[in-house]
C-alpha atoms as a PDB file:
ATOM      1  CA  MET A   1       7.024 -30.270  48.978  1.00  0.00           C
ATOM      2  CA  GLU A   2       9.082 -30.536  45.282  1.00  0.00           C
ATOM      3  CA  LYS A   3       7.557 -26.658  44.926  1.00  0.00           C
ATOM      4  CA  GLU A   4      10.670 -26.059  42.364  1.00  0.00           C
ATOM      5  CA  ASN A   5       9.223 -29.418  41.073  1.00  0.00           C
ATOM      6  CA  ILE A   6       5.836 -27.993  40.360  1.00  0.00           C
ATOM      7  CA  GLU A   7       6.743 -24.653  39.104  1.00  0.00           C
ATOM      8  CA  THR A   8       9.373 -26.329  36.308  1.00  0.00           C
ATOM      9  CA  LEU A   9       6.682 -28.831  35.761  1.00  0.00           C
ATOM     10  CA  SER A  10       3.624 -25.928  35.119  1.00  0.00           C
ATOM     11  CA  GLY A  11       5.495 -23.704  32.973  1.00  0.00           C
ATOM     12  CA  ALA A  12       6.817 -26.487  31.417  1.00  0.00           C
ATOM     13  CA  ILE A  13       3.841 -27.781  29.948  1.00  0.00           C
ATOM     14  CA  LYS A  14       2.452 -24.613  29.743  1.00  0.00           C
ATOM     15  CA  GLU A  15       4.836 -23.593  27.382  1.00  0.00           C
ATOM     16  CA  TYR A  16       4.887 -26.811  24.692  1.00  0.00           C
ATOM     17  CA  PHE A  17       1.296 -28.366  25.062  1.00  0.00           C
ATOM     18  CA  GLY A  18      -1.645 -26.250  24.043  1.00  0.00           C
ATOM     19  CA  ASP A  19      -5.244 -25.921  25.952  1.00  0.00           C
ATOM     20  CA  TYR A  20      -7.325 -28.606  23.990  1.00  0.00           C
ATOM     21  CA  GLU A  21      -3.878 -31.139  24.132  1.00  0.00           C
ATOM     22  CA  PHE A  22      -3.365 -30.924  27.733  1.00  0.00           C
ATOM     23  CA  ASP A  23      -7.234 -31.156  28.359  1.00  0.00           C
ATOM     24  CA  GLU A  24      -7.157 -34.300  26.013  1.00  0.00           C
ATOM     25  CA  LEU A  25      -4.200 -35.861  28.098  1.00  0.00           C
ATOM     26  CA  CYS A  26      -5.591 -35.162  31.092  1.00  0.00           C
ATOM     27  CA  SER A  27      -9.313 -37.137  30.276  1.00  0.00           C
ATOM     28  CA  ARG A  28      -7.066 -40.734  29.500  1.00  0.00           C
ATOM     29  CA  PHE A  29      -5.592 -40.731  32.610  1.00  0.00           C
ATOM     30  CA  GLY A  30      -9.187 -39.560  34.859  1.00  0.00           C
ATOM     31  CA  LEU A  31      -7.534 -36.272  36.050  1.00  0.00           C
ATOM     32  CA  GLU A  32      -9.257 -33.428  36.127  1.00  0.00           C
ATOM     33  CA  ILE A  33      -9.039 -30.470  35.446  1.00  0.00           C
ATOM     34  CA  GLU A  34     -10.358 -27.373  37.532  1.00  0.00           C
ATOM     35  CA  TYR A  35     -10.697 -23.956  35.507  1.00  0.00           C
ATOM     36  CA  LEU A  36     -10.210 -20.633  36.157  1.00  0.00           C
ATOM     37  CA  GLY A  37     -12.366 -18.719  34.353  1.00  0.00           C
ATOM     38  CA  PHE A  38     -11.436 -20.244  30.754  1.00  0.00           C
ATOM     39  CA  ASN A  39      -8.116 -21.364  31.369  1.00  0.00           C
ATOM     40  CA  PRO A  40      -7.373 -24.260  33.419  1.00  0.00           C
ATOM     41  CA  ASN A  41      -5.629 -24.726  36.834  1.00  0.00           C
ATOM     42  CA  ARG A  42      -2.244 -26.173  35.910  1.00  0.00           C
ATOM     43  CA  LYS A  43      -0.109 -25.195  38.957  1.00  0.00           C
ATOM     44  CA  ARG A  44      -3.179 -26.647  40.764  1.00  0.00           C
ATOM     45  CA  LEU A  45      -3.416 -30.424  39.543  1.00  0.00           C
ATOM     46  CA  ILE A  46       0.369 -30.361  39.095  1.00  0.00           C
ATOM     47  CA  THR A  47       1.211 -30.446  42.831  1.00  0.00           C
ATOM     48  CA  GLU A  48      -1.067 -32.755  43.329  1.00  0.00           C
ATOM     49  CA  LEU A  49       0.858 -34.474  40.923  1.00  0.00           C
ATOM     50  CA  ILE A  50       4.117 -34.596  41.960  1.00  0.00           C
ATOM     51  CA  ILE A  51       3.261 -34.390  45.809  1.00  0.00           C
ATOM     52  CA  ARG A  52       1.523 -38.643  45.201  1.00  0.00           C
ATOM     53  CA  LYS A  53       3.721 -39.244  42.590  1.00  0.00           C
ATOM     54  CA  HIS A  54       3.189 -42.846  43.015  1.00  0.00           C
ATOM     55  CA  ARG A  55       0.095 -42.939  43.167  1.00  0.00           C
ATOM     56  CA  GLY A  56      -1.234 -45.186  39.617  1.00  0.00           C
ATOM     57  CA  ASN A  57      -2.907 -42.940  37.539  1.00  0.00           C
ATOM     58  CA  ASN A  58      -0.146 -39.809  38.371  1.00  0.00           C
ATOM     59  CA  ARG A  59       2.703 -41.860  37.766  1.00  0.00           C
ATOM     60  CA  ARG A  60       1.516 -42.717  33.905  1.00  0.00           C
ATOM     61  CA  PHE A  61       0.487 -39.314  33.668  1.00  0.00           C
ATOM     62  CA  LEU A  62       3.951 -38.207  34.530  1.00  0.00           C
ATOM     63  CA  GLU A  63       5.423 -40.863  32.823  1.00  0.00           C
ATOM     64  CA  ALA A  64       3.831 -39.937  29.943  1.00  0.00           C
ATOM     65  CA  ILE A  65       4.512 -36.079  29.502  1.00  0.00           C
ATOM     66  CA  LEU A  66       7.727 -36.066  30.641  1.00  0.00           C
ATOM     67  CA  PRO A  67       8.848 -37.373  27.544  1.00  0.00           C
ATOM     68  CA  LYS A  68       7.409 -35.399  25.809  1.00  0.00           C
ATOM     69  CA  LEU A  69       7.873 -32.257  26.676  1.00  0.00           C
ATOM     70  CA  VAL A  70      12.091 -33.058  26.752  1.00  0.00           C
ATOM     71  CA  ARG A  71      11.337 -34.442  23.068  1.00  0.00           C
ATOM     72  CA  ARG A  72       9.457 -30.712  22.583  1.00  0.00           C
ATOM     73  CA  CYS A  73      12.189 -28.673  24.328  1.00  0.00           C
ATOM     74  CA  GLU A  74      14.757 -30.259  22.310  1.00  0.00           C
ATOM     75  CA  GLU A  75      13.206 -29.508  19.461  1.00  0.00           C
ATOM     76  CA  ARG A  76      12.779 -26.525  20.029  1.00  0.00           C
ATOM     77  CA  ILE A  77      16.676 -25.981  20.494  1.00  0.00           C
ATOM     78  CA  LEU A  78      17.579 -27.682  17.410  1.00  0.00           C
ATOM     79  CA  ASN A  79      15.006 -25.213  14.722  1.00  0.00           C
ATOM     80  CA  THR A  80      16.445 -21.991  16.349  1.00  0.00           C
ATOM     81  CA  THR A  81      19.836 -20.437  16.986  1.00  0.00           C
ATOM     82  CA  TRP A  82      21.266 -19.949  19.851  1.00  0.00           C
ATOM     83  CA  GLU A  83      20.697 -16.132  20.622  1.00  0.00           C
ATOM     84  CA  VAL A  84      16.573 -16.322  20.786  1.00  0.00           C
ATOM     85  CA  ASN A  85      16.055 -19.928  22.701  1.00  0.00           C
ATOM     86  CA  ILE A  86      17.122 -18.599  26.808  1.00  0.00           C
ATOM     87  CA  PHE A  87      13.978 -20.157  28.136  1.00  0.00           C
ATOM     88  CA  ASP A  88      14.143 -23.468  26.703  1.00  0.00           C
ATOM     89  CA  GLU A  89      17.811 -23.908  27.653  1.00  0.00           C
ATOM     90  CA  GLN A  90      17.422 -23.326  30.695  1.00  0.00           C
ATOM     91  CA  MET A  91      14.365 -25.456  30.980  1.00  0.00           C
ATOM     92  CA  LEU A  92      15.988 -28.571  29.046  1.00  0.00           C
ATOM     93  CA  PRO A  93      17.911 -29.333  32.534  1.00  0.00           C
ATOM     94  CA  GLN A  94      15.333 -28.959  35.460  1.00  0.00           C
ATOM     95  CA  LEU A  95      13.213 -31.596  32.660  1.00  0.00           C
ATOM     96  CA  LYS A  96      16.175 -33.405  32.629  1.00  0.00           C
ATOM     97  CA  SER A  97      16.652 -33.342  36.852  1.00  0.00           C
ATOM     98  CA  LEU A  98      13.078 -33.930  36.763  1.00  0.00           C
ATOM     99  CA  GLN A  99      13.296 -37.197  35.224  1.00  0.00           C
ATOM    100  CA  SER A 100      15.492 -38.956  37.185  1.00  0.00           C
ATOM    101  CA  PHE A 101      13.918 -36.648  40.764  1.00  0.00           C
ATOM    102  CA  LEU A 102      10.510 -38.960  39.174  1.00  0.00           C
ATOM    103  CA  THR A 103      12.355 -42.287  38.486  1.00  0.00           C
ATOM    104  CA  GLY A 104      14.114 -42.503  41.692  1.00  0.00           C
ATOM    105  CA  LYS A 105      17.734 -41.293  40.400  1.00  0.00           C
ATOM    106  CA  GLN A 106      17.718 -38.646  43.002  1.00  0.00           C
ATOM    107  CA  LYS A 107      16.249 -37.190  45.745  1.00  0.00           C
ATOM    108  CA  SER A 108      15.169 -33.891  44.550  1.00  0.00           C
ATOM    109  CA  VAL A 109      15.586 -31.664  40.976  1.00  0.00           C
ATOM    110  CA  ARG A 110      17.247 -28.893  43.945  1.00  0.00           C
ATOM    111  CA  GLN A 111      16.736 -27.572  47.077  1.00  0.00           C
ATOM    112  CA  THR A 112      13.445 -25.338  46.940  1.00  0.00           C
ATOM    113  CA  GLN A 113      14.587 -22.702  49.407  1.00  0.00           C
ATOM    114  CA  SER A 114      16.322 -19.042  47.168  1.00  0.00           C
ATOM    115  CA  VAL A 115      19.609 -19.193  48.169  1.00  0.00           C
ATOM    116  CA  SER A 116      21.869 -15.789  48.461  1.00  0.00           C
ATOM    117  CA  ARG A 117      25.135 -15.738  47.874  1.00  0.00           C
ATOM    118  CA  PHE A 118      28.056 -12.298  47.876  1.00  0.00           C
ATOM    119  CA  PHE A 119      31.083 -12.252  45.863  1.00  0.00           C
ATOM    120  CA  THR A 120      33.704  -8.977  46.911  1.00  0.00           C
ATOM    121  CA  THR A 121      36.360 -10.158  44.552  1.00  0.00           C
ATOM    122  CA  LYS A 122      36.901 -10.949  40.710  1.00  0.00           C
ATOM    123  CA  GLN A 123      38.361 -13.778  41.538  1.00  0.00           C
ATOM    124  CA  GLN A 124      35.171 -15.297  43.787  1.00  0.00           C
ATOM    125  CA  LEU A 125      33.152 -14.651  40.599  1.00  0.00           C
ATOM    126  CA  ILE A 126      35.733 -15.894  38.209  1.00  0.00           C
ATOM    127  CA  LYS A 127      35.228 -19.514  39.788  1.00  0.00           C
ATOM    128  CA  PHE A 128      31.647 -19.232  40.243  1.00  0.00           C
ATOM    129  CA  PHE A 129      30.904 -18.288  36.797  1.00  0.00           C
ATOM    130  CA  GLY A 130      33.245 -21.170  35.776  1.00  0.00           C
ATOM    131  CA  SER A 131      30.583 -23.845  36.718  1.00  0.00           C
ATOM    132  CA  CYS A 132      28.646 -22.920  33.705  1.00  0.00           C
ATOM    133  CA  LYS A 133      28.321 -26.073  31.870  1.00  0.00           C
ATOM    134  CA  THR A 134      24.929 -24.129  29.409  1.00  0.00           C
ATOM    135  CA  VAL A 135      24.845 -20.912  27.547  1.00  0.00           C
ATOM    136  CA  LEU A 136      24.916 -18.200  30.573  1.00  0.00           C
ATOM    137  CA  THR A 137      22.418 -15.380  30.190  1.00  0.00           C
ATOM    138  CA  ILE A 138      24.313 -11.616  31.937  1.00  0.00           C
ATOM    139  CA  VAL A 139      21.642  -9.062  32.356  1.00  0.00           C
ATOM    140  CA  ASP A 140      23.246  -6.255  33.611  1.00  0.00           C
ATOM    141  CA  THR A 141      22.978  -2.012  33.490  1.00  0.00           C
ATOM    142  CA  GLN A 142      26.587  -1.946  33.151  1.00  0.00           C
ATOM    143  CA  ILE A 143      29.059  -3.749  31.212  1.00  0.00           C
ATOM    144  CA  GLY A 144      32.706  -2.647  31.479  1.00  0.00           C
ATOM    145  CA  LYS A 145      36.224  -4.542  32.084  1.00  0.00           C
ATOM    146  CA  THR A 146      35.199  -6.335  35.356  1.00  0.00           C
ATOM    147  CA  THR A 147      31.908  -7.795  33.022  1.00  0.00           C
ATOM    148  CA  PHE A 148      34.758  -9.379  31.011  1.00  0.00           C
ATOM    149  CA  ASP A 149      37.430 -10.472  33.439  1.00  0.00           C
ATOM    150  CA  CYS A 150      34.694 -12.261  35.381  1.00  0.00           C
ATOM    151  CA  ILE A 151      33.870 -14.838  32.823  1.00  0.00           C
ATOM    152  CA  GLN A 152      36.743 -15.314  31.510  1.00  0.00           C
ATOM    153  CA  ARG A 153      36.899 -19.376  32.399  1.00  0.00           C
ATOM    154  CA  VAL A 154      33.312 -19.763  30.118  1.00  0.00           C
ATOM    155  CA  GLN A 155      33.387 -22.095  27.641  1.00  0.00           C
ATOM    156  CA  SER A 156      30.169 -22.239  26.982  1.00  0.00           C
ATOM    157  CA  PRO A 157      27.849 -19.669  25.081  1.00  0.00           C
ATOM    158  CA  ILE A 158      27.540 -15.911  26.435  1.00  0.00           C
ATOM    159  CA  ARG A 159      24.972 -13.783  26.257  1.00  0.00           C
ATOM    160  CA  LEU A 160      24.812 -10.111  27.609  1.00  0.00           C
ATOM    161  CA  LEU A 161      21.639  -7.942  27.335  1.00  0.00           C
ATOM    162  CA  THR A 162      22.787  -4.280  29.360  1.00  0.00           C
ATOM    163  CA  ARG A 163      20.853  -0.805  28.062  1.00  0.00           C
ATOM    164  CA  GLN A 164      20.606   1.234  25.363  1.00  0.00           C
ATOM    165  CA  THR A 165      22.948   4.332  26.838  1.00  0.00           C
ATOM    166  CA  LEU A 166      25.969   5.348  25.853  1.00  0.00           C
ATOM    167  CA  GLN A 167      26.819   5.476  29.594  1.00  0.00           C
ATOM    168  CA  ASP A 168      26.127   1.846  30.433  1.00  0.00           C
ATOM    169  CA  LEU A 169      29.106   0.520  28.220  1.00  0.00           C
ATOM    170  CA  ALA A 170      32.531   1.480  29.304  1.00  0.00           C
ATOM    171  CA  ALA A 171      34.369   3.597  26.520  1.00  0.00           C
ATOM    172  CA  ASN A 172      36.225   0.259  24.968  1.00  0.00           C
ATOM    173  CA  ALA A 173      33.708  -2.023  25.827  1.00  0.00           C
ATOM    174  CA  GLY A 174      33.696  -2.339  22.034  1.00  0.00           C
ATOM    175  CA  GLY A 175      37.451  -3.515  22.159  1.00  0.00           C
ATOM    176  CA  TYR A 176      37.340  -5.821  25.113  1.00  0.00           C
ATOM    177  CA  LEU A 177      34.505  -8.275  23.298  1.00  0.00           C
ATOM    178  CA  ALA A 178      36.102  -8.242  19.897  1.00  0.00           C
ATOM    179  CA  GLU A 179      39.725  -9.545  22.160  1.00  0.00           C
ATOM    180  CA  PHE A 180      37.460 -11.070  24.015  1.00  0.00           C
ATOM    181  CA  ARG A 181      36.009 -13.192  20.211  1.00  0.00           C
ATOM    182  CA  THR A 182      39.461 -13.768  19.342  1.00  0.00           C
ATOM    183  CA  LYS A 183      40.371 -16.090  21.609  1.00  0.00           C
ATOM    184  CA  GLY A 184      37.262 -17.974  20.776  1.00  0.00           C
ATOM    185  CA  TYR A 185      34.425 -16.749  22.951  1.00  0.00           C
ATOM    186  CA  LYS A 186      31.239 -16.861  21.062  1.00  0.00           C
ATOM    187  CA  ILE A 187      29.283 -13.761  22.820  1.00  0.00           C
ATOM    188  CA  GLU A 188      27.144 -11.632  22.104  1.00  0.00           C
ATOM    189  CA  THR A 189      25.748  -8.151  22.947  1.00  0.00           C
ATOM    190  CA  ARG A 190      22.458  -6.591  22.882  1.00  0.00           C
ATOM    191  CA  ARG A 191      21.369  -3.704  24.257  1.00  0.00           C
ATOM    192  CA  HIS A 192      17.320  -2.904  25.474  1.00  0.00           C
ATOM    193  CA  LEU A 193      15.303   0.784  25.669  1.00  0.00           C
ATOM    194  CA  ARG A 194      13.805  -0.245  29.127  1.00  0.00           C
ATOM    195  CA  LEU A 195      16.040  -2.675  31.427  1.00  0.00           C
ATOM    196  CA  ASN A 196      16.059  -1.999  35.237  1.00  0.00           C
ATOM    197  CA  ASP A 197      17.010  -5.668  37.311  1.00  0.00           C
ATOM    198  CA  ARG A 198      20.330  -7.422  36.771  1.00  0.00           C
ATOM    199  CA  PHE A 199      20.154 -11.482  36.621  1.00  0.00           C
ATOM    200  CA  ILE A 200      22.576 -14.761  36.017  1.00  0.00           C
ATOM    201  CA  ILE A 201      21.170 -17.152  34.329  1.00  0.00           C
ATOM    202  CA  PHE A 202      22.978 -20.957  33.348  1.00  0.00           C
ATOM    203  CA  ASN A 203      23.012 -24.482  34.727  1.00  0.00           C
ATOM    204  CA  GLY A 204      18.777 -24.385  34.445  1.00  0.00           C
ATOM    205  CA  ARG A 205      19.179 -21.384  37.323  1.00  0.00           C
ATOM    206  CA  CYS A 206      18.753 -17.933  37.227  1.00  0.00           C
ATOM    207  CA  TRP A 207      20.137 -15.520  39.832  1.00  0.00           C
ATOM    208  CA  LEU A 208      18.920 -11.631  41.206  1.00  0.00           C
ATOM    209  CA  ALA A 209      21.970  -9.411  41.481  1.00  0.00           C
ATOM    210  CA  ASN A 210      21.753  -6.515  43.661  1.00  0.00           C
ATOM    211  CA  CYS A 211      24.639  -4.689  41.906  1.00  0.00           C
ATOM    212  CA  SER A 212      26.363  -4.299  38.020  1.00  0.00           C
ATOM    213  CA  LEU A 213      29.073  -7.064  37.896  1.00  0.00           C
ATOM    214  CA  ALA A 214      31.518  -4.003  36.559  1.00  0.00           C
ATOM    215  CA  ASP A 215      31.038  -2.814  40.239  1.00  0.00           C
ATOM    216  CA  VAL A 216      33.429  -5.995  41.801  1.00  0.00           C
ATOM    217  CA  GLY A 217      36.152  -4.562  43.743  1.00  0.00           C
ATOM    218  CA  LYS A 218      34.260  -1.452  44.497  1.00  0.00           C
ATOM    219  CA  ALA A 219      31.331  -3.369  46.058  1.00  0.00           C
ATOM    220  CA  THR A 220      29.785  -6.290  47.722  1.00  0.00           C
ATOM    221  CA  LEU A 221      28.026  -8.278  44.462  1.00  0.00           C
ATOM    222  CA  SER A 222      24.803 -10.653  46.595  1.00  0.00           C
ATOM    223  CA  ILE A 223      22.573 -13.101  43.860  1.00  0.00           C
ATOM    224  CA  ILE A 224      19.426 -14.714  45.581  1.00  0.00           C
ATOM    225  CA  GLU A 225      18.555 -17.287  43.608  1.00  0.00           C
ATOM    226  CA  CYS A 226      14.819 -16.967  41.797  1.00  0.00           C
ATOM    227  CA  ALA A 227      12.672 -20.305  43.078  1.00  0.00           C
ATOM    228  CA  ASP A 228       8.653 -19.211  41.823  1.00  0.00           C
ATOM    229  CA  ILE A 229       9.355 -16.462  39.804  1.00  0.00           C
ATOM    230  CA  LYS A 230      12.336 -18.502  37.135  1.00  0.00           C
ATOM    231  CA  PRO A 231       9.847 -19.388  34.608  1.00  0.00           C
ATOM    232  CA  VAL A 232       8.392 -16.179  34.319  1.00  0.00           C
ATOM    233  CA  VAL A 233      11.951 -14.476  34.725  1.00  0.00           C
ATOM    234  CA  ILE A 234      13.690 -16.148  32.343  1.00  0.00           C
ATOM    235  CA  LYS A 235      10.608 -15.938  29.664  1.00  0.00           C
ATOM    236  CA  GLU A 236      10.051 -11.799  29.840  1.00  0.00           C
ATOM    237  CA  ILE A 237      14.154 -11.364  29.641  1.00  0.00           C
ATOM    238  CA  GLY A 238      13.673 -13.718  26.862  1.00  0.00           C
ATOM    239  CA  ARG A 239      11.551 -12.047  25.079  1.00  0.00           C
ATOM    240  CA  LYS A 240      14.054  -8.314  25.796  1.00  0.00           C
ATOM    241  CA  TRP A 241      16.976  -9.822  24.290  1.00  0.00           C
ATOM    242  CA  ARG A 242      14.851 -10.807  20.826  1.00  0.00           C
ATOM    243  CA  GLU A 243      13.976  -7.016  20.971  1.00  0.00           C
ATOM    244  CA  ALA A 244      16.964  -5.370  22.112  1.00  0.00           C
ATOM    245  CA  LYS A 245      19.318  -4.358  19.678  1.00  0.00           C
ATOM    246  CA  VAL A 246      23.248  -6.091  18.406  1.00  0.00           C
ATOM    247  CA  TYR A 247      25.870  -4.555  19.817  1.00  0.00           C
ATOM    248  CA  LEU A 248      28.592  -5.187  17.175  1.00  0.00           C
ATOM    249  CA  ASN A 249      27.712  -7.881  15.682  1.00  0.00           C
END
């Protein structure tokens, strides 16, 4: 079972389709939706569609809804600023990969198992972040010089979300941020009152980190990929980003 494909499609439908519109589309293709109280059980239906994607009505439904989801995702990105559309930016490459998967151009969006990685040096992280093709979002409880060193090869826009306490920013964090901007980086830092976890998001993927980037070299940074809960995590991070205060605009 393509577990991550199911999570991606379920999350996108919940975000971009209202219950009534989704119910009407399902009816057109003879698909029945079970309800949990007043809410449609999207995940159960999507599981059936993905597992039996070659069945006539299932395939026609997927071929109809995926272009709509991609278009709505792209429209939201075009009509909002990069500072606020975290969910949409990460959803778009996943939806396009899912389209390719359904047309047989690739085996799967990605392996569904959670993948762990370990970093002991800045150079390892510089290389890791160097593969970033989308906006990079880093949620970290601390920001310091090492943070900026690790993302020096990133060419796409960068978001840094940290806690709104003085001790979580290096004394000259403002200087590092200003220097980064003078070199042409598009970067924004925001601070939130309630922030306890650490996440890294780019290329449609999301990882949970065990320690801050600022500690790399003194501690081993391990990250584990969020698969099943990724849409929920990214949605919550987007909410906190919008709530957070801009640091040195």
